[in-house]
Amino acid sequence: MTDDLRFERRGDGEYYKVVLHVGDAYVPVGDEDVAALKTHGASAGDDLPDVFLNRLGYSSYLKERLERALLTFGDRAQQAAEIRRAIRDL
């Protein structure tokens, strides 16, 4: 991902082990969301950006910021590929 949109793996002792940085803000990512992204990321298809937005974009403002950030990666196939790369090591 880019500096404007990236995952950060935190320590196992943290309540949220993963956070998603969106520009100058961040979103805590629960274990269930990480598992769902990995499950959808393992399957073929380009629906991963939708799953990403639905799982992590819990407000209209945040969803809009995430959509804008995803658009920088290109079409849906490229967006899905970029998300897959980012979640591989979570």
N, C-alpha and C. Protein backbone atom coordinates (compact mmCIF):
# COMPACT_ATOMS: atom_id res chain seq x y z
N MET A 1 0.85 -1.16 0.00
CA MET A 1 0.00 0.00 0.00
C MET A 1 0.90 1.23 0.00
N THR A 2 0.34 2.38 0.18
CA THR A 2 1.12 3.61 0.14
C THR A 2 1.20 4.21 1.54
N ASP A 3 1.93 5.31 1.65
CA ASP A 3 2.01 6.00 2.94
C ASP A 3 0.64 6.54 3.36
N ASP A 4 -0.22 6.85 2.38
CA ASP A 4 -1.55 7.37 2.69
C ASP A 4 -2.51 6.29 3.14
N LEU A 5 -2.21 5.04 2.81
CA LEU A 5 -3.07 3.92 3.17
C LEU A 5 -2.19 2.70 3.42
N ARG A 6 -2.05 2.34 4.70
CA ARG A 6 -1.17 1.21 5.02
C ARG A 6 -1.59 0.58 6.34
N PHE A 7 -1.33 -0.72 6.45
CA PHE A 7 -1.57 -1.45 7.68
C PHE A 7 -0.31 -1.41 8.54
N GLU A 8 -0.52 -1.40 9.85
CA GLU A 8 0.59 -1.51 10.79
C GLU A 8 0.28 -2.64 11.76
N ARG A 9 1.17 -3.58 11.86
CA ARG A 9 1.03 -4.69 12.81
C ARG A 9 1.59 -4.22 14.14
N ARG A 10 0.78 -4.34 15.19
CA ARG A 10 1.22 -3.93 16.52
C ARG A 10 1.50 -5.16 17.35
N GLY A 11 1.92 -4.98 18.56
CA GLY A 11 2.28 -6.10 19.42
C GLY A 11 1.08 -6.96 19.81
N ASP A 12 1.34 -8.20 20.11
CA ASP A 12 0.28 -9.12 20.50
C ASP A 12 -0.39 -8.71 21.81
N GLY A 13 0.30 -7.94 22.63
CA GLY A 13 -0.28 -7.48 23.89
C GLY A 13 -1.26 -6.32 23.71
N GLU A 14 -1.32 -5.76 22.53
CA GLU A 14 -2.23 -4.64 22.26
C GLU A 14 -3.66 -5.15 22.06
N TYR A 15 -4.64 -4.35 22.43
CA TYR A 15 -6.04 -4.75 22.22
C TYR A 15 -6.32 -4.93 20.74
N TYR A 16 -5.92 -3.93 19.93
CA TYR A 16 -6.00 -4.05 18.47
C TYR A 16 -4.60 -4.34 17.97
N LYS A 17 -4.42 -5.51 17.40
CA LYS A 17 -3.10 -5.92 16.93
C LYS A 17 -2.73 -5.30 15.59
N VAL A 18 -3.74 -4.75 14.90
CA VAL A 18 -3.52 -4.13 13.59
C VAL A 18 -4.26 -2.80 13.55
N VAL A 19 -3.61 -1.80 12.98
CA VAL A 19 -4.28 -0.53 12.68
C VAL A 19 -4.06 -0.22 11.21
N LEU A 20 -5.04 0.45 10.63
CA LEU A 20 -4.96 0.89 9.24
C LEU A 20 -4.77 2.40 9.26
N HIS A 21 -3.68 2.87 8.69
CA HIS A 21 -3.43 4.30 8.59
C HIS A 21 -4.08 4.82 7.31
N VAL A 22 -4.85 5.88 7.46
CA VAL A 22 -5.53 6.52 6.32
C VAL A 22 -5.14 7.98 6.39
N GLY A 23 -4.14 8.36 5.59
CA GLY A 23 -3.63 9.72 5.68
C GLY A 23 -3.09 9.97 7.07
N ASP A 24 -3.59 11.01 7.73
CA ASP A 24 -3.11 11.36 9.06
C ASP A 24 -3.96 10.74 10.18
N ALA A 25 -4.91 9.90 9.81
CA ALA A 25 -5.76 9.23 10.80
C ALA A 25 -5.46 7.73 10.78
N TYR A 26 -6.02 7.03 11.76
CA TYR A 26 -5.87 5.59 11.75
C TYR A 26 -7.15 4.93 12.23
N VAL A 27 -7.32 3.69 11.81
CA VAL A 27 -8.50 2.90 12.14
C VAL A 27 -8.05 1.63 12.83
N PRO A 28 -8.52 1.37 14.03
CA PRO A 28 -8.19 0.08 14.65
C PRO A 28 -8.90 -1.03 13.88
N VAL A 29 -8.19 -2.13 13.66
CA VAL A 29 -8.74 -3.25 12.89
C VAL A 29 -8.81 -4.46 13.82
N GLY A 30 -10.02 -4.95 14.06
CA GLY A 30 -10.23 -6.09 14.93
C GLY A 30 -9.77 -7.40 14.30
N ASP A 31 -9.55 -8.38 15.15
CA ASP A 31 -9.11 -9.70 14.67
C ASP A 31 -10.11 -10.30 13.69
N GLU A 32 -11.40 -10.10 13.92
CA GLU A 32 -12.43 -10.64 13.01
C GLU A 32 -12.33 -9.99 11.64
N ASP A 33 -12.03 -8.69 11.60
CA ASP A 33 -11.89 -8.00 10.32
C ASP A 33 -10.66 -8.49 9.57
N VAL A 34 -9.56 -8.70 10.28
CA VAL A 34 -8.35 -9.23 9.66
C VAL A 34 -8.64 -10.60 9.07
N ALA A 35 -9.32 -11.45 9.84
CA ALA A 35 -9.64 -12.80 9.37
C ALA A 35 -10.54 -12.75 8.13
N ALA A 36 -11.53 -11.86 8.14
CA ALA A 36 -12.43 -11.74 6.98
C ALA A 36 -11.68 -11.27 5.74
N LEU A 37 -10.80 -10.29 5.92
CA LEU A 37 -10.01 -9.81 4.77
C LEU A 37 -9.11 -10.91 4.22
N LYS A 38 -8.50 -11.67 5.11
CA LYS A 38 -7.63 -12.76 4.65
C LYS A 38 -8.43 -13.84 3.94
N THR A 39 -9.61 -14.16 4.46
CA THR A 39 -10.46 -15.16 3.82
C THR A 39 -10.87 -14.72 2.42
N HIS A 40 -11.34 -13.49 2.30
CA HIS A 40 -11.75 -12.99 0.99
C HIS A 40 -10.54 -12.78 0.08
N GLY A 41 -9.42 -12.41 0.66
CA GLY A 41 -8.21 -12.21 -0.12
C GLY A 41 -7.66 -13.48 -0.72
N ALA A 42 -7.96 -14.61 -0.08
CA ALA A 42 -7.47 -15.90 -0.56
C ALA A 42 -8.27 -16.39 -1.76
N SER A 43 -9.47 -15.86 -1.95
CA SER A 43 -10.28 -16.30 -3.08
C SER A 43 -10.03 -15.41 -4.29
N ALA A 44 -10.23 -15.99 -5.45
CA ALA A 44 -10.07 -15.21 -6.68
C ALA A 44 -11.28 -14.28 -6.81
N GLY A 45 -11.09 -13.22 -7.53
CA GLY A 45 -12.18 -12.27 -7.74
C GLY A 45 -11.79 -10.88 -7.30
N ASP A 46 -12.58 -9.95 -7.74
CA ASP A 46 -12.28 -8.54 -7.48
C ASP A 46 -13.23 -7.91 -6.46
N ASP A 47 -13.89 -8.73 -5.61
CA ASP A 47 -14.80 -8.17 -4.63
C ASP A 47 -14.10 -7.74 -3.34
N LEU A 48 -12.80 -7.98 -3.25
CA LEU A 48 -12.06 -7.63 -2.03
C LEU A 48 -12.15 -6.14 -1.69
N PRO A 49 -12.09 -5.20 -2.65
CA PRO A 49 -12.26 -3.79 -2.27
C PRO A 49 -13.61 -3.51 -1.59
N ASP A 50 -14.67 -4.21 -2.01
CA ASP A 50 -15.97 -4.03 -1.37
C ASP A 50 -15.95 -4.55 0.07
N VAL A 51 -15.35 -5.71 0.26
CA VAL A 51 -15.23 -6.28 1.60
C VAL A 51 -14.40 -5.35 2.48
N PHE A 52 -13.30 -4.86 1.95
CA PHE A 52 -12.42 -3.91 2.64
C PHE A 52 -13.22 -2.69 3.11
N LEU A 53 -13.99 -2.10 2.20
CA LEU A 53 -14.77 -0.90 2.54
C LEU A 53 -15.86 -1.21 3.55
N ASN A 54 -16.53 -2.34 3.38
CA ASN A 54 -17.63 -2.68 4.29
C ASN A 54 -17.14 -3.05 5.69
N ARG A 55 -15.99 -3.69 5.78
CA ARG A 55 -15.46 -4.09 7.08
C ARG A 55 -14.82 -2.93 7.83
N LEU A 56 -14.12 -2.05 7.10
CA LEU A 56 -13.32 -1.00 7.75
C LEU A 56 -13.91 0.40 7.64
N GLY A 57 -14.81 0.61 6.70
CA GLY A 57 -15.41 1.93 6.52
C GLY A 57 -16.71 2.05 7.31
N TYR A 58 -16.60 2.13 8.62
CA TYR A 58 -17.79 2.09 9.47
C TYR A 58 -18.51 3.43 9.59
N SER A 59 -18.00 4.48 8.96
CA SER A 59 -18.73 5.75 8.88
C SER A 59 -18.65 6.23 7.44
N SER A 60 -19.58 7.07 7.05
CA SER A 60 -19.58 7.55 5.66
C SER A 60 -18.31 8.36 5.38
N TYR A 61 -17.84 9.12 6.35
CA TYR A 61 -16.62 9.90 6.18
C TYR A 61 -15.42 8.97 5.94
N LEU A 62 -15.30 7.96 6.77
CA LEU A 62 -14.17 7.03 6.64
C LEU A 62 -14.27 6.24 5.34
N LYS A 63 -15.45 5.79 4.99
CA LYS A 63 -15.64 5.03 3.76
C LYS A 63 -15.22 5.88 2.55
N GLU A 64 -15.57 7.16 2.58
CA GLU A 64 -15.19 8.06 1.48
C GLU A 64 -13.67 8.21 1.39
N ARG A 65 -13.02 8.35 2.53
CA ARG A 65 -11.55 8.46 2.53
C ARG A 65 -10.90 7.19 2.02
N LEU A 66 -11.42 6.05 2.42
CA LEU A 66 -10.88 4.78 1.96
C LEU A 66 -11.10 4.60 0.46
N GLU A 67 -12.27 4.97 -0.03
CA GLU A 67 -12.55 4.88 -1.47
C GLU A 67 -11.57 5.73 -2.27
N ARG A 68 -11.35 6.96 -1.80
CA ARG A 68 -10.40 7.85 -2.51
C ARG A 68 -9.00 7.26 -2.51
N ALA A 69 -8.60 6.70 -1.40
CA ALA A 69 -7.26 6.10 -1.32
C ALA A 69 -7.15 4.89 -2.25
N LEU A 70 -8.19 4.07 -2.30
CA LEU A 70 -8.17 2.89 -3.18
C LEU A 70 -8.09 3.29 -4.65
N LEU A 71 -8.72 4.39 -5.01
CA LEU A 71 -8.71 4.82 -6.41
C LEU A 71 -7.29 5.10 -6.91
N THR A 72 -6.39 5.42 -6.02
CA THR A 72 -5.02 5.71 -6.45
C THR A 72 -4.31 4.45 -6.95
N PHE A 73 -4.85 3.28 -6.64
CA PHE A 73 -4.24 2.03 -7.09
C PHE A 73 -4.69 1.62 -8.48
N GLY A 74 -5.71 2.27 -9.03
CA GLY A 74 -6.18 1.93 -10.37
C GLY A 74 -7.52 1.23 -10.33
N ASP A 75 -7.70 0.27 -11.25
CA ASP A 75 -8.99 -0.42 -11.35
C ASP A 75 -9.18 -1.41 -10.20
N ARG A 76 -10.36 -2.04 -10.18
CA ARG A 76 -10.71 -2.93 -9.07
C ARG A 76 -9.74 -4.11 -8.94
N ALA A 77 -9.28 -4.64 -10.05
CA ALA A 77 -8.34 -5.76 -9.98
C ALA A 77 -7.03 -5.33 -9.32
N GLN A 78 -6.56 -4.13 -9.65
CA GLN A 78 -5.33 -3.62 -9.05
C GLN A 78 -5.55 -3.29 -7.57
N GLN A 79 -6.72 -2.77 -7.24
CA GLN A 79 -7.05 -2.48 -5.85
C GLN A 79 -7.04 -3.78 -5.04
N ALA A 80 -7.69 -4.82 -5.58
CA ALA A 80 -7.74 -6.11 -4.88
C ALA A 80 -6.33 -6.68 -4.70
N ALA A 81 -5.51 -6.58 -5.73
CA ALA A 81 -4.13 -7.10 -5.65
C ALA A 81 -3.34 -6.35 -4.58
N GLU A 82 -3.52 -5.06 -4.50
CA GLU A 82 -2.79 -4.26 -3.50
C GLU A 82 -3.24 -4.60 -2.09
N ILE A 83 -4.53 -4.79 -1.89
CA ILE A 83 -5.04 -5.18 -0.56
C ILE A 83 -4.52 -6.56 -0.20
N ARG A 84 -4.52 -7.48 -1.14
CA ARG A 84 -3.99 -8.84 -0.89
C ARG A 84 -2.54 -8.78 -0.43
N ARG A 85 -1.74 -7.98 -1.11
CA ARG A 85 -0.32 -7.83 -0.72
C ARG A 85 -0.22 -7.29 0.70
N ALA A 86 -1.04 -6.32 1.02
CA ALA A 86 -0.96 -5.67 2.33
C ALA A 86 -1.39 -6.59 3.47
N ILE A 87 -2.37 -7.45 3.23
CA ILE A 87 -2.87 -8.30 4.32
C ILE A 87 -2.12 -9.62 4.44
N ARG A 88 -1.31 -9.93 3.46
CA ARG A 88 -0.59 -11.22 3.45
C ARG A 88 0.18 -11.45 4.74
N ASP A 89 0.84 -10.44 5.26
CA ASP A 89 1.71 -10.59 6.43
C ASP A 89 1.09 -10.18 7.75
N LEU A 90 -0.21 -9.90 7.74
CA LEU A 90 -0.86 -9.48 9.00
C LEU A 90 -1.07 -10.67 9.92
